[in-house]
Amino acid sequence: MSKRSKSWLEQHRRDPFVKKSRQDHYRSRAVYKLMEIDHRDKLFRRGQTVVDLGAAPGGWCQYAAEQVDGGGRVIAVDLLDMEAVAGVEFVHGDFSEEAVLETVLAVLDGRAVDLVISDMAPNLSGIRVTDQARSMALAELALDFAAQVLRPGGDFLVKVFEGAGTDQLRRDLNERFQKVTIRKPEASRDGSREFYMLGRRYNV
């Protein structure tokens, strides 16, 4: 194991959000990012239809299913396999492929979506320019999908990394949503360039 990997594992073991996720029976520490944003911005309501892009290992859709319980519906998508989550319909595949998108649309069966959430991130190459470009491509793909399925007034939350393309993405969101805000949850790791863009009240 490399020195970098050992350092990451040690940091992971000491991470208070990792410990808390185990205590609270959530699948990942990332749930506390979504939870903090939800507490601040009131994303979820009972009965909503929610699509979670880049869902594995399932922390976000686990939380989403809890919030929309009572007539709600959560569809999760990831190219990685994921153990079943109660109340969640899982589509396994690469969301950038047309066939997977068509499967998600078939599962929705014409039902308008209230909220699209995306925590997608690319497999990192270690080359910052390349990784940034891949990250922005995923964010843009998520936005294109949201534009297809959101009901009028629906919301969109997407993870991005500070760097080239983020200003343009924000302009794109401003064209499609009545309000765009930036969120940097406490659970984001120290030194991470990640943050979240939140588009509220989709303009069809």
N, C-alpha and C. Protein backbone atom coordinates (compact mmCIF):
# COMPACT_ATOMS: atom_id res chain seq x y z
N MET A 1 0.84 -1.19 0.00
CA MET A 1 0.00 0.00 0.00
C MET A 1 0.88 1.25 0.00
N SER A 2 0.53 2.22 -0.84
CA SER A 2 1.33 3.43 -0.95
C SER A 2 1.19 4.30 0.30
N LYS A 3 2.16 5.20 0.47
CA LYS A 3 2.12 6.13 1.60
C LYS A 3 0.88 7.00 1.54
N ARG A 4 0.50 7.41 0.32
CA ARG A 4 -0.69 8.24 0.16
C ARG A 4 -1.95 7.47 0.57
N SER A 5 -2.03 6.20 0.17
CA SER A 5 -3.19 5.38 0.52
C SER A 5 -3.29 5.17 2.03
N LYS A 6 -2.15 4.92 2.66
CA LYS A 6 -2.13 4.75 4.12
C LYS A 6 -2.58 6.02 4.82
N SER A 7 -2.15 7.16 4.32
CA SER A 7 -2.54 8.44 4.90
C SER A 7 -4.04 8.65 4.78
N TRP A 8 -4.60 8.29 3.60
CA TRP A 8 -6.04 8.45 3.39
C TRP A 8 -6.83 7.54 4.33
N LEU A 9 -6.38 6.29 4.47
CA LEU A 9 -7.08 5.35 5.34
C LEU A 9 -7.07 5.82 6.80
N GLU A 10 -5.94 6.36 7.22
CA GLU A 10 -5.85 6.86 8.59
C GLU A 10 -6.78 8.05 8.79
N GLN A 11 -6.81 8.93 7.83
CA GLN A 11 -7.73 10.07 7.90
C GLN A 11 -9.17 9.59 7.92
N HIS A 12 -9.47 8.58 7.12
CA HIS A 12 -10.82 8.02 7.04
C HIS A 12 -11.25 7.45 8.39
N ARG A 13 -10.33 6.74 9.04
CA ARG A 13 -10.66 6.13 10.34
C ARG A 13 -10.96 7.19 11.41
N ARG A 14 -10.26 8.32 11.32
CA ARG A 14 -10.43 9.37 12.32
C ARG A 14 -11.58 10.32 12.01
N ASP A 15 -12.11 10.22 10.80
CA ASP A 15 -13.13 11.16 10.34
C ASP A 15 -14.39 11.06 11.20
N PRO A 16 -14.82 12.16 11.84
CA PRO A 16 -16.01 12.10 12.70
C PRO A 16 -17.28 11.78 11.92
N PHE A 17 -17.33 12.17 10.63
CA PHE A 17 -18.52 11.89 9.84
C PHE A 17 -18.59 10.42 9.45
N VAL A 18 -17.44 9.78 9.28
CA VAL A 18 -17.43 8.34 9.04
C VAL A 18 -17.97 7.61 10.27
N LYS A 19 -17.49 8.01 11.44
CA LYS A 19 -17.97 7.39 12.68
C LYS A 19 -19.45 7.62 12.86
N LYS A 20 -19.91 8.83 12.59
CA LYS A 20 -21.32 9.16 12.77
C LYS A 20 -22.19 8.38 11.80
N SER A 21 -21.73 8.20 10.55
CA SER A 21 -22.53 7.46 9.58
C SER A 21 -22.72 6.01 10.03
N ARG A 22 -21.70 5.44 10.66
CA ARG A 22 -21.84 4.07 11.17
C ARG A 22 -22.83 4.02 12.32
N GLN A 23 -22.75 5.00 13.21
CA GLN A 23 -23.67 5.05 14.34
C GLN A 23 -25.12 5.25 13.89
N ASP A 24 -25.29 6.06 12.85
CA ASP A 24 -26.64 6.38 12.36
C ASP A 24 -27.13 5.40 11.30
N HIS A 25 -26.30 4.41 10.97
CA HIS A 25 -26.66 3.36 10.00
C HIS A 25 -26.88 3.91 8.59
N TYR A 26 -26.07 4.91 8.23
CA TYR A 26 -26.06 5.38 6.85
C TYR A 26 -24.87 4.76 6.13
N ARG A 27 -24.97 4.66 4.83
CA ARG A 27 -23.96 3.93 4.05
C ARG A 27 -22.70 4.72 3.78
N SER A 28 -22.74 6.03 3.91
CA SER A 28 -21.55 6.82 3.65
C SER A 28 -21.61 8.14 4.40
N ARG A 29 -20.44 8.72 4.59
CA ARG A 29 -20.35 10.01 5.25
C ARG A 29 -20.98 11.12 4.40
N ALA A 30 -21.08 10.88 3.08
CA ALA A 30 -21.61 11.89 2.17
C ALA A 30 -23.05 12.28 2.50
N VAL A 31 -23.74 11.42 3.22
CA VAL A 31 -25.13 11.73 3.56
C VAL A 31 -25.24 13.03 4.35
N TYR A 32 -24.20 13.36 5.13
CA TYR A 32 -24.28 14.56 5.97
C TYR A 32 -24.13 15.84 5.15
N LYS A 33 -23.56 15.73 3.96
CA LYS A 33 -23.54 16.88 3.05
C LYS A 33 -24.97 17.18 2.59
N LEU A 34 -25.65 16.14 2.12
CA LEU A 34 -27.02 16.31 1.67
C LEU A 34 -27.93 16.73 2.81
N MET A 35 -27.75 16.13 3.95
CA MET A 35 -28.57 16.44 5.11
C MET A 35 -28.44 17.91 5.51
N GLU A 36 -27.20 18.41 5.52
CA GLU A 36 -26.98 19.81 5.90
C GLU A 36 -27.65 20.75 4.90
N ILE A 37 -27.51 20.46 3.62
CA ILE A 37 -28.14 21.29 2.60
C ILE A 37 -29.66 21.23 2.73
N ASP A 38 -30.18 20.05 2.97
CA ASP A 38 -31.63 19.90 3.14
C ASP A 38 -32.13 20.69 4.34
N HIS A 39 -31.43 20.61 5.45
CA HIS A 39 -31.86 21.34 6.64
C HIS A 39 -31.88 22.85 6.39
N ARG A 40 -30.95 23.29 5.57
CA ARG A 40 -30.86 24.72 5.28
C ARG A 40 -31.85 25.17 4.21
N ASP A 41 -32.01 24.33 3.19
CA ASP A 41 -32.78 24.75 2.01
C ASP A 41 -34.11 24.03 1.82
N LYS A 42 -34.40 23.07 2.68
CA LYS A 42 -35.70 22.37 2.63
C LYS A 42 -35.95 21.77 1.24
N LEU A 43 -35.08 20.84 0.86
CA LEU A 43 -35.17 20.22 -0.46
C LEU A 43 -36.30 19.21 -0.57
N PHE A 44 -36.53 18.46 0.51
CA PHE A 44 -37.40 17.29 0.44
C PHE A 44 -38.76 17.54 1.07
N ARG A 45 -39.75 16.86 0.49
CA ARG A 45 -41.09 16.82 1.06
C ARG A 45 -41.66 15.42 0.82
N ARG A 46 -42.56 15.04 1.66
CA ARG A 46 -43.22 13.73 1.48
C ARG A 46 -43.94 13.70 0.13
N GLY A 47 -43.87 12.56 -0.52
CA GLY A 47 -44.58 12.38 -1.78
C GLY A 47 -43.82 12.80 -3.02
N GLN A 48 -42.61 13.33 -2.87
CA GLN A 48 -41.83 13.76 -4.04
C GLN A 48 -41.33 12.58 -4.87
N THR A 49 -41.06 12.89 -6.14
CA THR A 49 -40.30 12.00 -7.00
C THR A 49 -38.88 12.57 -7.13
N VAL A 50 -37.89 11.76 -6.77
CA VAL A 50 -36.50 12.20 -6.71
C VAL A 50 -35.64 11.26 -7.55
N VAL A 51 -34.70 11.82 -8.31
CA VAL A 51 -33.71 11.00 -9.02
C VAL A 51 -32.33 11.34 -8.46
N ASP A 52 -31.60 10.30 -8.06
CA ASP A 52 -30.26 10.43 -7.48
C ASP A 52 -29.24 9.88 -8.46
N LEU A 53 -28.42 10.76 -9.03
CA LEU A 53 -27.41 10.36 -10.01
C LEU A 53 -26.07 10.16 -9.30
N GLY A 54 -25.41 9.04 -9.62
CA GLY A 54 -24.15 8.71 -8.93
C GLY A 54 -24.42 8.27 -7.52
N ALA A 55 -25.37 7.36 -7.37
CA ALA A 55 -25.95 7.06 -6.05
C ALA A 55 -25.10 6.17 -5.15
N ALA A 56 -24.31 5.24 -5.71
CA ALA A 56 -23.57 4.29 -4.88
C ALA A 56 -22.60 5.02 -3.95
N PRO A 57 -22.45 4.52 -2.73
CA PRO A 57 -22.98 3.29 -2.16
C PRO A 57 -24.41 3.38 -1.61
N GLY A 58 -25.03 4.56 -1.68
CA GLY A 58 -26.44 4.64 -1.34
C GLY A 58 -26.82 5.57 -0.22
N GLY A 59 -25.88 6.33 0.32
CA GLY A 59 -26.19 7.21 1.43
C GLY A 59 -27.21 8.29 1.08
N TRP A 60 -27.04 8.91 -0.08
CA TRP A 60 -27.95 9.99 -0.47
C TRP A 60 -29.36 9.45 -0.73
N CYS A 61 -29.48 8.36 -1.49
CA CYS A 61 -30.83 7.86 -1.79
C CYS A 61 -31.47 7.25 -0.55
N GLN A 62 -30.66 6.75 0.36
CA GLN A 62 -31.17 6.25 1.64
C GLN A 62 -31.86 7.38 2.40
N TYR A 63 -31.19 8.52 2.49
CA TYR A 63 -31.76 9.69 3.16
C TYR A 63 -32.97 10.22 2.39
N ALA A 64 -32.87 10.27 1.07
CA ALA A 64 -33.97 10.77 0.26
C ALA A 64 -35.23 9.93 0.46
N ALA A 65 -35.06 8.60 0.49
CA ALA A 65 -36.21 7.71 0.66
C ALA A 65 -36.89 7.95 2.01
N GLU A 66 -36.10 8.22 3.03
CA GLU A 66 -36.67 8.53 4.34
C GLU A 66 -37.51 9.80 4.30
N GLN A 67 -37.05 10.78 3.53
CA GLN A 67 -37.72 12.08 3.51
C GLN A 67 -39.00 12.09 2.68
N VAL A 68 -39.06 11.30 1.63
CA VAL A 68 -40.23 11.33 0.74
C VAL A 68 -41.23 10.23 1.07
N ASP A 69 -40.97 9.46 2.10
CA ASP A 69 -41.84 8.35 2.49
C ASP A 69 -43.28 8.82 2.59
N GLY A 70 -44.18 8.02 2.03
CA GLY A 70 -45.59 8.38 2.04
C GLY A 70 -46.01 8.84 0.65
N GLY A 71 -45.92 7.93 -0.33
CA GLY A 71 -46.31 8.26 -1.69
C GLY A 71 -45.17 8.76 -2.55
N GLY A 72 -43.99 8.91 -1.96
CA GLY A 72 -42.84 9.38 -2.72
C GLY A 72 -42.15 8.27 -3.49
N ARG A 73 -41.20 8.69 -4.34
CA ARG A 73 -40.49 7.72 -5.17
C ARG A 73 -39.06 8.20 -5.36
N VAL A 74 -38.09 7.29 -5.21
CA VAL A 74 -36.69 7.61 -5.41
C VAL A 74 -36.10 6.64 -6.43
N ILE A 75 -35.53 7.19 -7.50
CA ILE A 75 -34.83 6.38 -8.49
C ILE A 75 -33.35 6.72 -8.40
N ALA A 76 -32.52 5.70 -8.20
CA ALA A 76 -31.07 5.87 -8.05
C ALA A 76 -30.37 5.29 -9.27
N VAL A 77 -29.30 5.96 -9.70
CA VAL A 77 -28.56 5.54 -10.89
C VAL A 77 -27.06 5.53 -10.58
N ASP A 78 -26.37 4.45 -10.96
CA ASP A 78 -24.91 4.43 -10.83
C ASP A 78 -24.33 3.33 -11.69
N LEU A 79 -23.11 3.58 -12.20
CA LEU A 79 -22.42 2.53 -12.96
C LEU A 79 -21.85 1.46 -12.04
N LEU A 80 -21.67 1.78 -10.75
CA LEU A 80 -21.26 0.79 -9.76
C LEU A 80 -22.50 0.05 -9.25
N ASP A 81 -22.30 -1.19 -8.88
CA ASP A 81 -23.41 -1.94 -8.29
C ASP A 81 -23.70 -1.39 -6.90
N MET A 82 -24.92 -1.58 -6.43
CA MET A 82 -25.32 -1.05 -5.14
C MET A 82 -26.31 -2.00 -4.49
N GLU A 83 -26.07 -2.31 -3.23
CA GLU A 83 -27.03 -3.14 -2.51
C GLU A 83 -28.36 -2.42 -2.42
N ALA A 84 -29.44 -3.19 -2.41
CA ALA A 84 -30.78 -2.61 -2.41
C ALA A 84 -30.98 -1.68 -1.21
N VAL A 85 -31.67 -0.58 -1.46
CA VAL A 85 -32.05 0.36 -0.41
C VAL A 85 -33.57 0.38 -0.34
N ALA A 86 -34.12 0.25 0.84
CA ALA A 86 -35.57 0.24 1.00
C ALA A 86 -36.19 1.50 0.40
N GLY A 87 -37.20 1.29 -0.44
CA GLY A 87 -37.91 2.42 -1.02
C GLY A 87 -37.23 3.07 -2.20
N VAL A 88 -36.17 2.43 -2.73
CA VAL A 88 -35.40 3.01 -3.83
C VAL A 88 -35.39 2.04 -5.02
N GLU A 89 -35.66 2.57 -6.22
CA GLU A 89 -35.54 1.81 -7.46
C GLU A 89 -34.16 2.10 -8.05
N PHE A 90 -33.40 1.06 -8.33
CA PHE A 90 -32.02 1.24 -8.77
C PHE A 90 -31.86 0.89 -10.24
N VAL A 91 -31.24 1.81 -10.99
CA VAL A 91 -30.87 1.56 -12.38
C VAL A 91 -29.34 1.45 -12.44
N HIS A 92 -28.86 0.30 -12.83
CA HIS A 92 -27.43 0.02 -12.83
C HIS A 92 -26.87 0.28 -14.23
N GLY A 93 -25.96 1.22 -14.35
CA GLY A 93 -25.35 1.49 -15.64
C GLY A 93 -24.69 2.85 -15.68
N ASP A 94 -23.99 3.09 -16.76
CA ASP A 94 -23.26 4.35 -16.97
C ASP A 94 -24.24 5.39 -17.49
N PHE A 95 -24.48 6.43 -16.69
CA PHE A 95 -25.48 7.42 -17.02
C PHE A 95 -25.14 8.20 -18.28
N SER A 96 -23.89 8.19 -18.69
CA SER A 96 -23.50 8.90 -19.91
C SER A 96 -23.90 8.13 -21.17
N GLU A 97 -24.35 6.88 -21.01
CA GLU A 97 -24.77 6.07 -22.15
C GLU A 97 -26.26 6.26 -22.42
N GLU A 98 -26.60 6.39 -23.68
CA GLU A 98 -27.98 6.66 -24.08
C GLU A 98 -28.94 5.58 -23.60
N ALA A 99 -28.50 4.32 -23.64
CA ALA A 99 -29.38 3.23 -23.24
C ALA A 99 -29.76 3.32 -21.76
N VAL A 100 -28.82 3.77 -20.92
CA VAL A 100 -29.12 3.91 -19.49
C VAL A 100 -30.07 5.06 -19.27
N LEU A 101 -29.86 6.16 -19.96
CA LEU A 101 -30.80 7.29 -19.87
C LEU A 101 -32.20 6.85 -20.27
N GLU A 102 -32.30 6.10 -21.34
CA GLU A 102 -33.61 5.62 -21.79
C GLU A 102 -34.26 4.72 -20.75
N THR A 103 -33.44 3.92 -20.05
CA THR A 103 -33.98 3.06 -18.99
C THR A 103 -34.55 3.90 -17.85
N VAL A 104 -33.82 4.95 -17.47
CA VAL A 104 -34.31 5.83 -16.40
C VAL A 104 -35.62 6.49 -16.82
N LEU A 105 -35.69 6.96 -18.05
CA LEU A 105 -36.91 7.60 -18.54
C LEU A 105 -38.06 6.60 -18.57
N ALA A 106 -37.75 5.35 -18.91
CA ALA A 106 -38.79 4.32 -18.92
C ALA A 106 -39.30 4.04 -17.52
N VAL A 107 -38.40 4.03 -16.54
CA VAL A 107 -38.81 3.82 -15.14
C VAL A 107 -39.71 4.97 -14.68
N LEU A 108 -39.38 6.18 -15.08
CA LEU A 108 -40.21 7.33 -14.72
C LEU A 108 -41.57 7.28 -15.40
N ASP A 109 -41.60 6.71 -16.61
CA ASP A 109 -42.86 6.51 -17.33
C ASP A 109 -43.67 7.81 -17.44
N GLY A 110 -42.97 8.89 -17.77
CA GLY A 110 -43.65 10.16 -17.98
C GLY A 110 -43.93 10.96 -16.72
N ARG A 111 -43.59 10.41 -15.58
CA ARG A 111 -43.84 11.12 -14.32
C ARG A 111 -42.82 12.24 -14.15
N ALA A 112 -43.30 13.45 -13.89
CA ALA A 112 -42.41 14.59 -13.70
C ALA A 112 -41.65 14.43 -12.38
N VAL A 113 -40.43 14.94 -12.36
CA VAL A 113 -39.54 14.80 -11.21
C VAL A 113 -39.52 16.11 -10.42
N ASP A 114 -39.56 15.99 -9.11
CA ASP A 114 -39.53 17.17 -8.23
C ASP A 114 -38.11 17.63 -7.93
N LEU A 115 -37.18 16.67 -7.86
CA LEU A 115 -35.82 16.99 -7.44
C LEU A 115 -34.84 16.03 -8.09
N VAL A 116 -33.80 16.58 -8.71
CA VAL A 116 -32.67 15.78 -9.20
C VAL A 116 -31.46 16.14 -8.36
N ILE A 117 -30.82 15.12 -7.79
CA ILE A 117 -29.61 15.32 -6.99
C ILE A 117 -28.47 14.53 -7.64
N SER A 118 -27.30 15.13 -7.71
CA SER A 118 -26.16 14.47 -8.36
C SER A 118 -24.90 14.66 -7.53
N ASP A 119 -24.37 13.54 -7.07
CA ASP A 119 -23.08 13.54 -6.38
C ASP A 119 -22.03 12.83 -7.25
N MET A 120 -22.30 12.82 -8.56
CA MET A 120 -21.40 12.11 -9.48
C MET A 120 -20.01 12.74 -9.48
N ALA A 121 -19.01 11.89 -9.58
CA ALA A 121 -17.62 12.33 -9.71
C ALA A 121 -16.91 11.33 -10.61
N PRO A 122 -15.96 11.79 -11.41
CA PRO A 122 -15.25 10.87 -12.32
C PRO A 122 -14.21 10.05 -11.59
N ASN A 123 -13.80 8.95 -12.20
CA ASN A 123 -12.62 8.25 -11.72
C ASN A 123 -11.42 9.16 -11.95
N LEU A 124 -10.67 9.43 -10.90
CA LEU A 124 -9.60 10.42 -10.98
C LEU A 124 -8.35 9.84 -11.63
N SER A 125 -7.79 10.64 -12.53
CA SER A 125 -6.56 10.24 -13.20
C SER A 125 -5.33 10.81 -12.50
N GLY A 126 -5.56 11.82 -11.65
CA GLY A 126 -4.44 12.51 -11.01
C GLY A 126 -3.95 13.70 -11.82
N ILE A 127 -4.48 13.84 -13.03
CA ILE A 127 -4.15 15.00 -13.88
C ILE A 127 -5.27 16.01 -13.69
N ARG A 128 -4.97 17.10 -13.04
CA ARG A 128 -6.02 18.02 -12.59
C ARG A 128 -6.88 18.55 -13.74
N VAL A 129 -6.26 18.94 -14.83
CA VAL A 129 -7.02 19.49 -15.96
C VAL A 129 -7.98 18.45 -16.51
N THR A 130 -7.49 17.23 -16.66
CA THR A 130 -8.33 16.14 -17.17
C THR A 130 -9.47 15.84 -16.22
N ASP A 131 -9.17 15.73 -14.92
CA ASP A 131 -10.19 15.41 -13.93
C ASP A 131 -11.25 16.50 -13.85
N GLN A 132 -10.82 17.77 -13.96
CA GLN A 132 -11.77 18.87 -13.93
C GLN A 132 -12.71 18.81 -15.13
N ALA A 133 -12.16 18.55 -16.30
CA ALA A 133 -12.98 18.46 -17.50
C ALA A 133 -13.99 17.33 -17.39
N ARG A 134 -13.57 16.19 -16.85
CA ARG A 134 -14.49 15.06 -16.69
C ARG A 134 -15.58 15.39 -15.68
N SER A 135 -15.20 16.06 -14.60
CA SER A 135 -16.17 16.44 -13.57
C SER A 135 -17.22 17.38 -14.14
N MET A 136 -16.79 18.38 -14.91
CA MET A 136 -17.73 19.34 -15.48
C MET A 136 -18.64 18.67 -16.51
N ALA A 137 -18.11 17.71 -17.25
CA ALA A 137 -18.93 16.99 -18.22
C ALA A 137 -20.06 16.24 -17.51
N LEU A 138 -19.76 15.65 -16.37
CA LEU A 138 -20.80 14.96 -15.59
C LEU A 138 -21.85 15.94 -15.06
N ALA A 139 -21.39 17.08 -14.58
CA ALA A 139 -22.33 18.09 -14.07
C ALA A 139 -23.24 18.60 -15.18
N GLU A 140 -22.68 18.81 -16.36
CA GLU A 140 -23.47 19.28 -17.49
C GLU A 140 -24.46 18.20 -17.94
N LEU A 141 -24.02 16.94 -17.89
CA LEU A 141 -24.90 15.83 -18.23
C LEU A 141 -26.08 15.76 -17.26
N ALA A 142 -25.78 15.97 -15.98
CA ALA A 142 -26.84 15.96 -14.96
C ALA A 142 -27.83 17.11 -15.20
N LEU A 143 -27.31 18.27 -15.57
CA LEU A 143 -28.18 19.42 -15.84
C LEU A 143 -29.07 19.15 -17.06
N ASP A 144 -28.49 18.57 -18.10
CA ASP A 144 -29.29 18.24 -19.29
C ASP A 144 -30.42 17.28 -18.94
N PHE A 145 -30.10 16.30 -18.10
CA PHE A 145 -31.12 15.35 -17.66
C PHE A 145 -32.21 16.06 -16.86
N ALA A 146 -31.79 16.90 -15.92
CA ALA A 146 -32.75 17.63 -15.10
C ALA A 146 -33.70 18.45 -15.97
N ALA A 147 -33.15 19.06 -17.01
CA ALA A 147 -33.97 19.87 -17.91
C ALA A 147 -35.01 19.02 -18.65
N GLN A 148 -34.73 17.74 -18.82
CA GLN A 148 -35.67 16.83 -19.48
C GLN A 148 -36.81 16.40 -18.57
N VAL A 149 -36.52 16.24 -17.29
CA VAL A 149 -37.48 15.53 -16.43
C VAL A 149 -38.12 16.38 -15.34
N LEU A 150 -37.53 17.52 -14.98
CA LEU A 150 -38.06 18.29 -13.86
C LEU A 150 -39.42 18.89 -14.18
N ARG A 151 -40.28 18.90 -13.21
CA ARG A 151 -41.54 19.62 -13.34
C ARG A 151 -41.27 21.11 -13.22
N PRO A 152 -42.18 21.95 -13.69
CA PRO A 152 -42.02 23.38 -13.46
C PRO A 152 -41.93 23.66 -11.96
N GLY A 153 -40.91 24.40 -11.55
CA GLY A 153 -40.71 24.68 -10.13
C GLY A 153 -39.86 23.66 -9.41
N GLY A 154 -39.39 22.61 -10.13
CA GLY A 154 -38.54 21.60 -9.51
C GLY A 154 -37.15 22.12 -9.20
N ASP A 155 -36.38 21.32 -8.46
CA ASP A 155 -35.06 21.73 -7.98
C ASP A 155 -33.97 20.78 -8.44
N PHE A 156 -32.72 21.29 -8.43
CA PHE A 156 -31.57 20.54 -8.93
C PHE A 156 -30.35 20.85 -8.07
N LEU A 157 -29.72 19.78 -7.56
CA LEU A 157 -28.51 19.91 -6.74
C LEU A 157 -27.40 19.10 -7.38
N VAL A 158 -26.24 19.75 -7.62
CA VAL A 158 -25.16 19.06 -8.32
C VAL A 158 -23.82 19.38 -7.68
N LYS A 159 -22.98 18.35 -7.58
CA LYS A 159 -21.62 18.54 -7.08
C LYS A 159 -20.71 18.99 -8.20
N VAL A 160 -19.87 19.98 -7.89
CA VAL A 160 -18.86 20.44 -8.84
C VAL A 160 -17.55 20.66 -8.08
N PHE A 161 -16.48 20.80 -8.84
CA PHE A 161 -15.17 21.09 -8.26
C PHE A 161 -14.69 22.43 -8.79
N GLU A 162 -14.23 23.28 -7.89
CA GLU A 162 -13.78 24.61 -8.27
C GLU A 162 -12.71 24.53 -9.35
N GLY A 163 -12.93 25.26 -10.44
CA GLY A 163 -11.97 25.24 -11.53
C GLY A 163 -12.64 25.63 -12.83
N ALA A 164 -11.99 25.32 -13.93
CA ALA A 164 -12.49 25.69 -15.25
C ALA A 164 -13.88 25.11 -15.48
N GLY A 165 -14.77 25.95 -15.96
CA GLY A 165 -16.12 25.50 -16.31
C GLY A 165 -17.18 25.81 -15.29
N THR A 166 -16.80 26.09 -14.05
CA THR A 166 -17.82 26.30 -13.01
C THR A 166 -18.61 27.59 -13.24
N ASP A 167 -17.95 28.63 -13.72
CA ASP A 167 -18.67 29.88 -13.98
C ASP A 167 -19.71 29.70 -15.08
N GLN A 168 -19.34 28.96 -16.11
CA GLN A 168 -20.29 28.72 -17.20
C GLN A 168 -21.46 27.88 -16.72
N LEU A 169 -21.17 26.87 -15.90
CA LEU A 169 -22.26 26.04 -15.38
C LEU A 169 -23.23 26.88 -14.55
N ARG A 170 -22.70 27.78 -13.76
CA ARG A 170 -23.57 28.63 -12.96
C ARG A 170 -24.43 29.52 -13.86
N ARG A 171 -23.86 30.03 -14.95
CA ARG A 171 -24.65 30.83 -15.89
C ARG A 171 -25.76 29.97 -16.51
N ASP A 172 -25.42 28.72 -16.83
CA ASP A 172 -26.43 27.82 -17.40
C ASP A 172 -27.57 27.58 -16.42
N LEU A 173 -27.23 27.40 -15.14
CA LEU A 173 -28.27 27.21 -14.14
C LEU A 173 -29.12 28.47 -13.98
N ASN A 174 -28.48 29.62 -14.03
CA ASN A 174 -29.22 30.88 -13.89
C ASN A 174 -30.23 31.07 -15.02
N GLU A 175 -29.95 30.50 -16.18
CA GLU A 175 -30.87 30.60 -17.30
C GLU A 175 -32.09 29.70 -17.12
N ARG A 176 -31.92 28.64 -16.32
CA ARG A 176 -32.98 27.63 -16.22
C ARG A 176 -33.74 27.65 -14.90
N PHE A 177 -33.15 28.28 -13.88
CA PHE A 177 -33.76 28.28 -12.55
C PHE A 177 -33.94 29.71 -12.06
N GLN A 178 -34.96 29.90 -11.23
CA GLN A 178 -35.23 31.24 -10.72
C GLN A 178 -34.18 31.70 -9.72
N LYS A 179 -33.55 30.74 -9.04
CA LYS A 179 -32.55 31.10 -8.03
C LYS A 179 -31.44 30.05 -8.02
N VAL A 180 -30.20 30.49 -7.94
CA VAL A 180 -29.05 29.58 -7.87
C VAL A 180 -28.21 29.97 -6.66
N THR A 181 -27.92 29.00 -5.81
CA THR A 181 -27.09 29.25 -4.64
C THR A 181 -25.94 28.25 -4.59
N ILE A 182 -24.89 28.62 -3.87
CA ILE A 182 -23.72 27.78 -3.69
C ILE A 182 -23.69 27.28 -2.26
N ARG A 183 -23.42 26.00 -2.10
CA ARG A 183 -23.35 25.40 -0.77
C ARG A 183 -22.05 24.61 -0.63
N LYS A 184 -21.40 24.82 0.52
CA LYS A 184 -20.17 24.09 0.85
C LYS A 184 -20.41 23.45 2.22
N PRO A 185 -20.91 22.22 2.26
CA PRO A 185 -21.27 21.60 3.54
C PRO A 185 -20.07 21.37 4.44
N GLU A 186 -20.33 21.36 5.73
CA GLU A 186 -19.27 21.11 6.71
C GLU A 186 -18.64 19.75 6.50
N ALA A 187 -19.42 18.79 6.02
CA ALA A 187 -18.90 17.43 5.84
C ALA A 187 -17.96 17.28 4.65
N SER A 188 -17.87 18.30 3.79
CA SER A 188 -16.86 18.25 2.72
C SER A 188 -15.48 18.22 3.37
N ARG A 189 -14.62 17.38 2.85
CA ARG A 189 -13.31 17.20 3.48
C ARG A 189 -12.48 18.47 3.40
N ASP A 190 -11.67 18.69 4.42
CA ASP A 190 -10.75 19.82 4.43
C ASP A 190 -9.85 19.76 3.19
N GLY A 191 -9.72 20.87 2.53
CA GLY A 191 -8.86 20.92 1.36
C GLY A 191 -9.54 20.49 0.07
N SER A 192 -10.76 19.97 0.16
CA SER A 192 -11.46 19.55 -1.05
C SER A 192 -11.94 20.75 -1.84
N ARG A 193 -11.86 20.67 -3.16
CA ARG A 193 -12.36 21.73 -4.02
C ARG A 193 -13.85 21.58 -4.32
N GLU A 194 -14.48 20.57 -3.76
CA GLU A 194 -15.88 20.34 -4.10
C GLU A 194 -16.81 21.36 -3.43
N PHE A 195 -17.86 21.67 -4.14
CA PHE A 195 -18.97 22.42 -3.57
C PHE A 195 -20.21 22.03 -4.37
N TYR A 196 -21.35 22.56 -3.98
CA TYR A 196 -22.61 22.19 -4.63
C TYR A 196 -23.32 23.42 -5.16
N MET A 197 -23.87 23.27 -6.36
CA MET A 197 -24.74 24.29 -6.92
C MET A 197 -26.17 23.82 -6.78
N LEU A 198 -27.02 24.72 -6.32
CA LEU A 198 -28.43 24.40 -6.10
C LEU A 198 -29.30 25.32 -6.94
N GLY A 199 -30.01 24.75 -7.88
CA GLY A 199 -30.98 25.51 -8.68
C GLY A 199 -32.37 25.30 -8.13
N ARG A 200 -33.05 26.39 -7.84
CA ARG A 200 -34.41 26.32 -7.27
C ARG A 200 -35.43 26.83 -8.29
N ARG A 201 -36.56 26.13 -8.35
CA ARG A 201 -37.72 26.55 -9.16
C ARG A 201 -37.39 26.61 -10.65
N TYR A 202 -37.40 25.44 -11.21
CA TYR A 202 -37.05 25.27 -12.64
C TYR A 202 -38.02 26.02 -13.54
N ASN A 203 -37.46 26.74 -14.51
CA ASN A 203 -38.24 27.43 -15.53
C ASN A 203 -38.31 26.55 -16.77
N VAL A 204 -39.48 26.07 -17.12
CA VAL A 204 -39.62 25.20 -18.30
C VAL A 204 -39.50 26.06 -19.56
